[in-house]
Amino acid sequence: MRKLIAVAILLLSLVLAGMFWLRSGGPREVSYVLAKRHRLAAALTTNGKLEPAIRAIVRANTEGWVRQVKLEVGQRIRQGDVLVTVENPMLADGLNSAEAVLTQAQAELGELERGGSEAILAEIDTSMARVRGEADAARKEAASLDRLVARQAATQVEADQAHAKVRVAEQEISSLAKKRSTLVPASSRAILKSRIQQAESAVALARKRIEDAIVRSAVDGVVYDVAIQSGSFVHAGDEIVSVGKMNPLRVVVFVDEPELGRVVKGQKVEISWDAEPGRKWEGTVEGVPTQVVPLNNRQVGEVICQIQNPDGRLPAGANVNVSITTKIEESALTVPKEALRRSGVQDTLLVVAGDHVELRVVKIGITTLTEAQVLSGLEEGDRVVLATEPPLVSGEKVRAKAE
């Protein structure tokens, strides 16, 4: 049955060709190209959106009030830029206290270095020697008066006064000894230096806390989220702002559901941006979608790609054109896509055979915007007829010329 249909189609084609030849007065001139082999890369073209591949959350290092916030989402910032300043009066008080302790310790060390403590110590020692002499004399006088009182040669009042002098001298000796023990000896220079080091560390820490109250960006990027407002009170560790780095960039590529089977990790990606015509950025597919989501009137999977943006020309949030290389054939037999014809469910080509054209049923592999790979039904070097108006029919005589 199929053979009969094929024969009928062929006869009909020959009849139509003959009629056309009789009507036109001769064979038509047609253009052809040679079927040839070369490297062919199939690409899936769609659109996508840029966003930072790396985001940094900037947090407060101390608690306090944020008086004024001038940050805006989308604002470009540089590493080291001041984002906000956290105000806390206790930070300044802490620095003043630490500096006071340091000043006192430095003054004491200076006094020690100038010999002030040694002079006071020598003065105390001299006073103690004098008072001890006075105490010895008072004891002798009291003892003598005690003997005289026993012989009724002196009054008890005189003896009591002498003993009172002894007690006064002994109390003065005790006071001088206590004062002497409270003085810092020369051997304690190391202790003073240790106090100074501790005070210097406390001052440095207080200054760092004040510096930490100035919140700066750790990276170049774009502000993506501002978590505070003017007048907010923040604690150490609270999020201030989210900053996205501009290199590399992540591309969220929207691939229509029927095309998702063509996409795998590692495929090459080419990005173009309408604002920079003629320029291309390259990257790779990093992740394939696990679900399909609605996008306007489309059902898409979000394919994640990554590209380099060394000069920062591509801005986050930009809509870009995306081409994903889904397959490469190093030696594909190719023809122009315009030469393909559709016959029912089959792909066909017209090939120049001598002085006429003949219809070939072909199997098509990968395609690009302009070319198609032919897997079967065609040989390398065959003369493939390009599209004509009106269409040619199989068996029609032609005058062929190379395109």
Protein backbone atom coordinates (compact mmCIF):
# COMPACT_ATOMS: atom_id res chain seq x y z
CA MET A 1 0.00 0.00 0.00
CA ARG A 2 2.79 2.43 0.98
CA LYS A 3 4.64 1.66 -2.24
CA LEU A 4 1.54 2.48 -4.25
CA ILE A 5 1.16 5.82 -2.38
CA ALA A 6 4.82 6.66 -3.00
CA VAL A 7 4.51 5.82 -6.70
CA ALA A 8 1.36 7.96 -6.92
CA ILE A 9 3.13 10.90 -5.26
CA LEU A 10 6.09 10.55 -7.62
CA LEU A 11 3.85 10.42 -10.71
CA LEU A 12 1.92 13.45 -9.49
CA SER A 13 5.17 15.34 -8.95
CA LEU A 14 6.37 14.48 -12.44
CA VAL A 15 3.05 15.60 -13.95
CA LEU A 16 3.16 18.90 -12.07
CA ALA A 17 6.78 19.44 -13.04
CA GLY A 18 5.95 18.80 -16.69
CA MET A 19 3.05 21.22 -16.55
CA PHE A 20 5.21 23.87 -14.96
CA TRP A 21 7.94 23.35 -17.57
CA LEU A 22 5.49 23.64 -20.42
CA ARG A 23 3.96 26.79 -18.87
CA SER A 24 7.25 28.50 -18.10
CA GLY A 25 9.04 27.63 -21.25
CA GLY A 26 11.98 25.89 -19.54
CA PRO A 27 13.49 24.71 -16.26
CA ARG A 28 13.73 27.19 -13.39
CA GLU A 29 17.03 28.46 -12.06
CA VAL A 30 17.54 27.49 -8.43
CA SER A 31 20.25 28.15 -5.88
CA TYR A 32 21.89 25.38 -3.89
CA VAL A 33 24.49 24.88 -1.18
CA LEU A 34 26.68 21.87 -0.60
CA ALA A 35 26.00 19.73 2.44
CA LYS A 36 29.20 19.99 4.49
CA ARG A 37 30.65 18.95 7.79
CA HIS A 38 31.84 21.32 10.49
CA ARG A 39 31.57 21.98 14.21
CA LEU A 40 28.01 22.74 15.22
CA ALA A 41 26.88 23.89 18.65
CA ALA A 42 23.24 23.80 19.67
CA ALA A 43 22.14 26.60 21.96
CA LEU A 44 19.10 27.31 24.06
CA THR A 45 18.28 31.01 24.11
CA THR A 46 16.19 32.65 26.80
CA ASN A 47 16.39 35.43 29.38
CA GLY A 48 17.62 35.77 32.93
CA LYS A 49 18.28 38.14 35.80
CA LEU A 50 21.53 39.04 37.54
CA GLU A 51 22.15 38.95 41.26
CA PRO A 52 25.29 38.78 43.44
CA ALA A 53 26.82 35.34 43.84
CA ILE A 54 28.22 36.39 47.22
CA ARG A 55 26.36 38.42 49.81
CA ALA A 56 27.83 39.78 53.03
CA ILE A 57 25.71 40.66 56.04
CA VAL A 58 27.17 43.62 57.95
CA ARG A 59 26.41 43.53 61.67
CA ALA A 60 26.78 45.94 64.57
CA ASN A 61 29.84 45.44 66.78
CA THR A 62 28.42 47.28 69.77
CA GLU A 63 25.09 48.42 71.15
CA GLY A 64 23.72 51.91 70.87
CA TRP A 65 21.52 54.21 68.82
CA VAL A 66 21.71 54.74 65.08
CA ARG A 67 20.85 58.40 64.69
CA GLN A 68 20.78 58.66 60.89
CA VAL A 69 20.53 56.09 58.09
CA LYS A 70 21.28 57.28 54.54
CA LEU A 71 21.54 53.84 52.90
CA GLU A 72 19.25 52.86 50.03
CA VAL A 73 18.62 49.50 48.38
CA GLY A 74 20.55 49.36 45.09
CA GLN A 75 23.18 51.86 46.27
CA ARG A 76 26.74 51.03 45.19
CA ILE A 77 29.31 51.10 48.00
CA ARG A 78 33.04 50.53 48.24
CA GLN A 79 35.03 48.56 50.77
CA GLY A 80 35.66 50.75 53.82
CA ASP A 81 32.72 53.09 53.20
CA VAL A 82 30.96 54.21 56.41
CA LEU A 83 27.46 52.73 56.47
CA VAL A 84 26.21 53.96 59.85
CA THR A 85 27.60 55.14 63.20
CA VAL A 86 26.31 53.64 66.45
CA GLU A 87 26.25 56.21 69.27
CA ASN A 88 26.80 55.14 72.92
CA PRO A 89 27.96 57.66 75.59
CA MET A 90 29.38 54.82 77.70
CA LEU A 91 32.04 54.24 75.07
CA ALA A 92 33.49 57.74 75.55
CA ASP A 93 33.25 57.38 79.36
CA GLY A 94 35.14 54.10 79.17
CA LEU A 95 37.91 55.72 77.15
CA ASN A 96 38.19 58.65 79.58
CA SER A 97 38.45 56.28 82.58
CA ALA A 98 41.07 54.11 80.92
CA GLU A 99 43.13 57.17 79.95
CA ALA A 100 42.94 58.48 83.54
CA VAL A 101 44.27 55.21 84.94
CA LEU A 102 47.07 55.26 82.39
CA THR A 103 47.99 58.85 83.22
CA GLN A 104 48.13 58.05 86.96
CA ALA A 105 50.32 54.98 86.43
CA GLN A 106 52.67 56.93 84.15
CA ALA A 107 52.91 59.73 86.74
CA GLU A 108 53.80 57.26 89.51
CA LEU A 109 56.46 55.68 87.37
CA GLY A 110 57.85 59.10 86.55
CA GLU A 111 58.02 59.97 90.25
CA LEU A 112 59.81 56.73 90.95
CA GLU A 113 62.25 57.35 88.12
CA ARG A 114 62.98 60.83 89.55
CA GLY A 115 63.77 59.33 92.98
CA GLY A 116 60.80 60.84 94.85
CA SER A 117 60.00 57.68 96.78
CA GLU A 118 63.63 57.17 97.79
CA ALA A 119 63.76 60.71 99.24
CA ILE A 120 60.60 60.17 101.26
CA LEU A 121 61.95 56.82 102.48
CA ALA A 122 65.21 58.45 103.61
CA GLU A 123 63.23 61.15 105.43
CA ILE A 124 61.16 58.54 107.25
CA ASP A 125 64.27 56.59 108.23
CA THR A 126 65.85 59.77 109.62
CA SER A 127 62.69 60.57 111.58
CA MET A 128 62.54 57.04 112.98
CA ALA A 129 66.15 57.23 114.15
CA ARG A 130 65.43 60.53 115.89
CA VAL A 131 62.22 59.26 117.53
CA ARG A 132 63.91 56.05 118.66
CA GLY A 133 66.60 58.16 120.38
CA GLU A 134 63.90 60.24 122.05
CA ALA A 135 62.10 57.05 123.09
CA ASP A 136 65.27 55.59 124.65
CA ALA A 137 65.87 58.82 126.58
CA ALA A 138 62.25 58.85 127.76
CA ARG A 139 62.51 55.24 128.97
CA LYS A 140 65.67 56.02 130.91
CA GLU A 141 64.06 59.08 132.49
CA ALA A 142 60.94 57.09 133.40
CA ALA A 143 63.03 54.33 134.99
CA SER A 144 65.00 56.85 136.98
CA LEU A 145 61.83 58.55 138.19
CA ASP A 146 60.37 55.15 139.16
CA ARG A 147 63.38 54.55 141.43
CA LEU A 148 63.10 58.03 142.91
CA VAL A 149 59.40 57.56 143.59
CA ALA A 150 60.25 54.31 145.42
CA ARG A 151 62.59 56.30 147.66
CA GLN A 152 60.00 59.08 147.85
CA ALA A 153 62.50 61.39 146.15
CA ALA A 154 60.11 62.20 143.29
CA THR A 155 56.37 62.40 142.85
CA GLN A 156 54.25 59.86 141.04
CA VAL A 157 52.98 62.60 138.74
CA GLU A 158 56.51 63.17 137.43
CA ALA A 159 56.96 59.47 136.83
CA ASP A 160 53.62 59.22 134.97
CA GLN A 161 54.57 62.15 132.74
CA ALA A 162 57.83 60.39 131.85
CA HIS A 163 55.99 57.17 130.96
CA ALA A 164 53.56 59.21 128.81
CA LYS A 165 56.53 60.55 126.81
CA VAL A 166 57.66 56.95 126.20
CA ARG A 167 54.20 55.97 124.91
CA VAL A 168 54.07 59.00 122.58
CA ALA A 169 57.49 58.16 121.15
CA GLU A 170 56.54 54.51 120.63
CA GLN A 171 53.31 55.54 118.85
CA GLU A 172 55.26 57.85 116.54
CA ILE A 173 57.69 55.03 115.76
CA SER A 174 54.77 52.75 114.92
CA SER A 175 53.20 55.40 112.67
CA LEU A 176 56.45 55.98 110.80
CA ALA A 177 56.92 52.23 110.33
CA LYS A 178 53.42 51.92 108.89
CA LYS A 179 54.03 54.84 106.53
CA ARG A 180 57.28 53.30 105.45
CA SER A 181 55.58 49.98 104.63
CA THR A 182 53.06 51.71 102.33
CA LEU A 183 55.72 53.36 100.15
CA VAL A 184 56.55 51.71 96.76
CA PRO A 185 60.16 50.64 96.89
CA ALA A 186 62.46 50.96 93.90
CA SER A 187 62.14 47.23 93.31
CA SER A 188 58.47 47.75 92.37
CA ARG A 189 59.32 49.54 89.09
CA ALA A 190 58.29 46.35 87.26
CA ILE A 191 54.92 46.44 88.99
CA LEU A 192 54.31 49.99 87.82
CA LYS A 193 55.32 49.13 84.28
CA SER A 194 52.88 46.20 84.34
CA ARG A 195 50.12 48.55 85.47
CA ILE A 196 50.97 50.89 82.60
CA GLN A 197 50.78 48.03 80.07
CA GLN A 198 47.40 46.99 81.43
CA ALA A 199 46.19 50.58 81.26
CA GLU A 200 47.46 50.95 77.68
CA SER A 201 45.59 47.77 76.71
CA ALA A 202 42.43 49.15 78.31
CA VAL A 203 42.82 52.43 76.37
CA ALA A 204 43.38 50.54 73.09
CA LEU A 205 40.30 48.39 73.73
CA ALA A 206 38.19 51.47 74.52
CA ARG A 207 39.36 53.18 71.32
CA LYS A 208 38.63 50.02 69.30
CA ARG A 209 35.10 49.92 70.70
CA ILE A 210 34.61 53.51 69.58
CA GLU A 211 36.02 52.65 66.14
CA ASP A 212 33.80 49.54 65.99
CA ALA A 213 30.79 51.78 66.52
CA ILE A 214 31.52 53.12 63.02
CA VAL A 215 30.07 50.38 60.80
CA ARG A 216 31.94 50.04 57.50
CA SER A 217 31.46 47.84 54.45
CA ALA A 218 33.87 44.92 54.25
CA VAL A 219 33.39 44.50 50.47
CA ASP A 220 32.66 46.40 47.27
CA GLY A 221 29.08 45.81 46.23
CA VAL A 222 25.48 46.87 46.16
CA VAL A 223 23.14 47.39 49.11
CA TYR A 224 20.52 44.65 49.03
CA ASP A 225 18.70 45.07 52.30
CA VAL A 226 18.68 47.72 55.04
CA ALA A 227 17.56 46.21 58.34
CA ILE A 228 17.52 49.40 60.45
CA GLN A 229 15.99 52.86 60.48
CA SER A 230 17.10 56.23 61.82
CA GLY A 231 16.73 56.18 65.59
CA SER A 232 16.97 52.39 65.89
CA PHE A 233 18.65 50.84 68.94
CA VAL A 234 20.91 47.96 68.00
CA HIS A 235 22.76 45.29 69.96
CA ALA A 236 26.12 43.78 69.10
CA GLY A 237 25.51 41.22 66.35
CA ASP A 238 22.32 42.81 65.00
CA GLU A 239 22.11 42.97 61.21
CA ILE A 240 22.67 46.44 59.78
CA VAL A 241 22.73 45.92 56.01
CA SER A 242 23.18 43.19 53.40
CA VAL A 243 25.79 43.90 50.71
CA GLY A 244 26.24 41.89 47.51
CA LYS A 245 29.60 41.56 45.74
CA MET A 246 29.57 42.43 42.04
CA ASN A 247 32.06 39.78 40.93
CA PRO A 248 31.24 37.02 40.32
CA LEU A 249 27.55 37.40 39.50
CA ARG A 250 24.85 34.78 39.67
CA VAL A 251 22.42 34.51 36.76
CA VAL A 252 18.95 33.16 37.39
CA VAL A 253 18.04 31.84 33.94
CA PHE A 254 14.38 31.23 33.12
CA VAL A 255 14.11 28.09 31.00
CA ASP A 256 10.72 27.00 29.67
CA GLU A 257 9.58 23.65 31.02
CA PRO A 258 9.82 21.70 27.69
CA GLU A 259 13.48 22.77 27.29
CA LEU A 260 14.66 21.82 30.80
CA GLY A 261 15.76 18.34 29.71
CA ARG A 262 18.49 19.91 27.56
CA VAL A 263 20.19 21.65 30.48
CA VAL A 264 22.85 19.99 32.67
CA LYS A 265 25.50 21.28 35.05
CA GLY A 266 28.76 22.43 33.51
CA GLN A 267 27.34 23.65 30.19
CA LYS A 268 28.78 26.89 28.83
CA VAL A 269 26.69 30.03 29.12
CA GLU A 270 26.98 33.30 27.18
CA ILE A 271 25.38 36.48 28.50
CA SER A 272 24.58 39.67 26.62
CA TRP A 273 23.05 42.87 27.93
CA ASP A 274 21.08 45.28 25.76
CA ALA A 275 22.74 48.27 27.44
CA GLU A 276 26.19 47.03 26.26
CA PRO A 277 25.53 45.90 22.64
CA GLY A 278 28.19 43.70 21.10
CA ARG A 279 29.70 42.63 24.41
CA LYS A 280 29.55 39.09 25.80
CA TRP A 281 30.15 37.54 29.22
CA GLU A 282 30.84 33.83 29.68
CA GLY A 283 30.07 31.42 32.49
CA THR A 284 28.79 27.95 33.32
CA VAL A 285 25.62 26.25 34.53
CA GLU A 286 26.01 25.75 38.29
CA GLY A 287 22.66 24.26 39.20
CA VAL A 288 19.53 22.85 37.58
CA PRO A 289 16.03 23.50 38.97
CA THR A 290 14.17 21.11 41.25
CA GLN A 291 10.80 22.64 40.53
CA VAL A 292 8.87 24.53 37.88
CA VAL A 293 7.36 27.89 38.79
CA PRO A 294 5.02 30.31 37.00
CA LEU A 295 6.58 33.39 35.37
CA ASN A 296 4.01 35.69 33.77
CA ASN A 297 2.35 33.38 31.23
CA ARG A 298 5.23 30.84 31.23
CA GLN A 299 6.10 27.76 33.26
CA VAL A 300 9.84 27.89 33.86
CA GLY A 301 12.65 26.29 35.78
CA GLU A 302 15.23 28.62 37.33
CA VAL A 303 18.63 27.47 36.12
CA ILE A 304 21.50 28.94 38.17
CA CYS A 305 24.61 30.07 36.30
CA GLN A 306 27.67 32.03 37.34
CA ILE A 307 29.64 34.54 35.31
CA GLN A 308 32.66 36.75 35.90
CA ASN A 309 32.16 40.52 36.04
CA PRO A 310 35.69 41.81 36.64
CA ASP A 311 35.08 45.43 35.67
CA GLY A 312 31.69 45.61 37.38
CA ARG A 313 29.90 46.79 34.24
CA LEU A 314 27.01 44.40 34.74
CA PRO A 315 24.70 45.67 37.47
CA ALA A 316 22.82 43.40 39.84
CA GLY A 317 19.14 43.22 39.00
CA ALA A 318 19.69 43.65 35.25
CA ASN A 319 17.67 41.58 32.79
CA VAL A 320 20.00 39.82 30.35
CA ASN A 321 19.89 37.63 27.27
CA VAL A 322 21.17 34.10 27.84
CA SER A 323 22.48 31.44 25.46
CA ILE A 324 23.24 28.00 26.92
CA THR A 325 25.31 25.66 24.75
CA THR A 326 23.41 22.40 25.21
CA LYS A 327 25.23 20.15 22.72
CA ILE A 328 28.26 20.23 20.43
CA GLU A 329 28.93 18.05 17.37
CA GLU A 330 32.50 18.35 16.16
CA SER A 331 31.79 16.99 12.65
CA ALA A 332 28.13 17.52 11.92
CA LEU A 333 26.72 17.24 8.40
CA THR A 334 24.85 20.53 8.10
CA VAL A 335 22.42 22.35 5.84
CA PRO A 336 20.75 25.77 6.13
CA LYS A 337 17.52 25.59 8.12
CA GLU A 338 15.73 27.46 5.33
CA ALA A 339 16.27 24.45 3.08
CA LEU A 340 14.20 22.16 5.31
CA ARG A 341 10.67 21.31 4.27
CA ARG A 342 8.00 19.65 6.32
CA SER A 343 6.00 16.81 4.76
CA GLY A 344 3.48 15.48 7.25
CA VAL A 345 5.54 14.35 10.22
CA GLN A 346 8.76 14.07 8.21
CA ASP A 347 11.58 16.50 7.50
CA THR A 348 12.57 16.66 3.84
CA LEU A 349 15.10 18.32 1.56
CA LEU A 350 15.23 18.86 -2.18
CA VAL A 351 18.54 17.81 -3.69
CA VAL A 352 19.82 18.55 -7.20
CA ALA A 353 20.23 15.27 -9.07
CA GLY A 354 21.44 15.86 -12.63
CA ASP A 355 19.00 18.20 -14.34
CA HIS A 356 16.20 17.89 -11.79
CA VAL A 357 15.50 17.89 -8.07
CA GLU A 358 14.55 14.96 -5.94
CA LEU A 359 12.89 14.79 -2.55
CA ARG A 360 14.88 13.30 0.34
CA VAL A 361 13.41 12.28 3.69
CA VAL A 362 16.01 13.21 6.33
CA LYS A 363 16.51 12.81 10.04
CA ILE A 364 17.49 16.01 11.84
CA GLY A 365 19.80 16.25 14.85
CA ILE A 366 20.76 19.43 16.66
CA THR A 367 19.82 22.81 15.25
CA THR A 368 20.89 26.43 15.64
CA LEU A 369 19.15 29.60 14.51
CA THR A 370 20.48 29.16 10.98
CA GLU A 371 21.66 25.55 10.56
CA ALA A 372 20.49 21.98 11.08
CA GLN A 373 22.41 18.75 11.49
CA VAL A 374 21.36 15.93 9.14
CA LEU A 375 21.77 12.49 10.67
CA SER A 376 20.52 10.42 7.73
CA GLY A 377 19.11 10.75 4.20
CA LEU A 378 21.90 13.00 2.91
CA GLU A 379 25.55 12.69 1.97
CA GLU A 380 28.38 15.16 2.29
CA GLY A 381 28.69 17.17 -0.92
CA ASP A 382 25.05 16.78 -1.94
CA ARG A 383 23.61 19.90 -3.58
CA VAL A 384 20.79 21.06 -1.32
CA VAL A 385 18.24 23.41 -2.85
CA LEU A 386 17.37 26.56 -0.94
CA ALA A 387 13.80 27.78 -0.54
CA THR A 388 12.02 28.91 -3.70
CA GLU A 389 8.77 30.62 -4.61
CA PRO A 390 6.64 29.00 -5.80
CA PRO A 391 7.87 25.77 -4.16
CA LEU A 392 9.60 23.16 -6.28
CA VAL A 393 8.28 19.63 -6.60
CA SER A 394 10.27 16.44 -6.69
CA GLY A 395 11.34 15.56 -10.23
CA GLU A 396 11.06 19.10 -11.52
CA LYS A 397 13.84 20.01 -13.95
CA VAL A 398 16.01 22.91 -12.89
CA ARG A 399 19.07 24.93 -13.81
CA ALA A 400 21.15 24.80 -10.67
CA LYS A 401 23.67 27.42 -9.55
CA ALA A 402 25.79 27.54 -6.43
CA GLU A 403 24.79 30.08 -3.80
